[in-house]
Protein backbone atom coordinates (compact mmCIF):
# COMPACT_ATOMS: atom_id res chain seq x y z
CA MET A 1 -53.46 -84.79 5.16
CA ALA A 2 -52.00 -81.39 4.27
CA VAL A 3 -48.86 -81.85 2.18
CA THR A 4 -46.16 -79.22 1.83
CA LEU A 5 -43.15 -79.04 -0.48
CA ARG A 6 -40.20 -77.78 1.54
CA LEU A 7 -36.50 -78.18 2.26
CA ARG A 8 -35.07 -80.85 4.54
CA ARG A 9 -31.63 -80.05 5.95
CA THR A 10 -28.79 -82.56 5.47
CA GLY A 11 -25.02 -82.40 5.68
CA ALA A 12 -22.57 -81.39 8.38
CA THR A 13 -22.62 -78.28 10.59
CA ASN A 14 -20.69 -75.97 8.27
CA ASP A 15 -21.34 -77.91 5.07
CA VAL A 16 -25.11 -77.77 4.76
CA CYS A 17 -27.18 -78.94 1.81
CA TYR A 18 -30.88 -79.58 1.45
CA ARG A 19 -33.29 -82.09 -0.04
CA VAL A 20 -36.55 -80.90 -1.53
CA VAL A 21 -39.25 -83.14 -0.07
CA ALA A 22 -43.00 -83.59 0.04
CA SER A 23 -44.02 -84.01 3.65
CA ASP A 24 -46.97 -83.84 5.98
CA ARG A 25 -47.32 -80.27 7.14
CA ARG A 26 -47.31 -81.34 10.81
CA SER A 27 -44.00 -83.23 10.66
CA PRO A 28 -40.79 -81.49 11.82
CA ARG A 29 -38.32 -80.03 9.32
CA ASP A 30 -36.00 -83.05 9.37
CA GLY A 31 -38.68 -85.61 10.25
CA LYS A 32 -40.65 -88.05 8.14
CA PHE A 33 -41.38 -87.21 4.53
CA LEU A 34 -43.44 -88.72 1.74
CA GLU A 35 -41.08 -88.35 -1.22
CA VAL A 36 -37.72 -86.79 -2.15
CA LEU A 37 -38.23 -84.42 -5.09
CA GLY A 38 -34.71 -83.09 -5.56
CA TRP A 39 -31.80 -81.35 -3.88
CA TYR A 40 -30.41 -77.85 -3.30
CA ASP A 41 -26.80 -76.96 -2.40
CA PRO A 42 -26.47 -73.22 -1.63
CA LYS A 43 -22.65 -73.33 -1.51
CA ARG A 44 -22.24 -74.75 -5.02
CA SER A 45 -21.68 -72.30 -7.86
CA GLY A 46 -23.42 -72.65 -11.18
CA VAL A 47 -26.24 -75.19 -11.18
CA ASN A 48 -26.86 -75.73 -7.48
CA PHE A 49 -30.18 -77.59 -7.51
CA GLU A 50 -32.10 -80.33 -9.28
CA LEU A 51 -35.84 -81.04 -9.20
CA LYS A 52 -38.06 -83.82 -10.51
CA MET A 53 -40.50 -81.41 -12.13
CA ASP A 54 -43.04 -84.09 -13.05
CA ARG A 55 -43.36 -85.13 -9.40
CA VAL A 56 -43.41 -81.50 -8.22
CA GLN A 57 -46.29 -80.78 -10.60
CA HIS A 58 -48.06 -83.94 -9.39
CA TRP A 59 -47.97 -82.76 -5.77
CA ILE A 60 -49.02 -79.21 -6.66
CA LYS A 61 -51.91 -80.59 -8.72
CA HIS A 62 -53.03 -82.57 -5.68
CA GLY A 63 -53.07 -79.47 -3.45
CA ALA A 64 -49.60 -79.35 -1.91
CA ILE A 65 -48.52 -76.06 -0.38
CA VAL A 66 -45.13 -74.84 -1.63
CA SER A 67 -42.64 -73.04 0.64
CA ASP A 68 -41.14 -69.74 -0.53
CA THR A 69 -37.67 -71.18 -1.16
CA VAL A 70 -38.95 -74.20 -3.07
CA ASN A 71 -41.21 -71.91 -5.09
CA SER A 72 -38.17 -69.86 -6.13
CA LEU A 73 -36.34 -73.07 -7.13
CA ILE A 74 -39.35 -74.14 -9.22
CA GLU A 75 -39.38 -70.77 -10.99
CA LYS A 76 -35.64 -71.04 -11.74
CA ALA A 77 -36.11 -74.59 -13.07
CA GLU A 78 -38.95 -73.47 -15.34
CA LEU A 79 -36.83 -70.58 -16.65
CA SER A 80 -33.90 -72.87 -17.40
CA VAL A 81 -36.15 -75.32 -19.26
CA GLY A 82 -37.70 -72.48 -21.25
CA SER A 83 -34.32 -71.09 -22.34
CA SER A 84 -33.01 -74.48 -23.58
């Protein structure tokens, strides 16, 4: 099974937020998923996401494909950990 780390849309029509999930590549965007890895709220200022980096690294280690947006969130999370 090909696993991908991507965003799953939640929230209302004009109040969108996302969950970062590990899912089967063939499943639809808001369909079944394997595990919730965090969240992302584009409307929030300041810290607008949270990731379980240990689980993200687990899935990447096991061959998961990472979407562009999730990859940018991972890079931001690694930068914030490095600066602390």
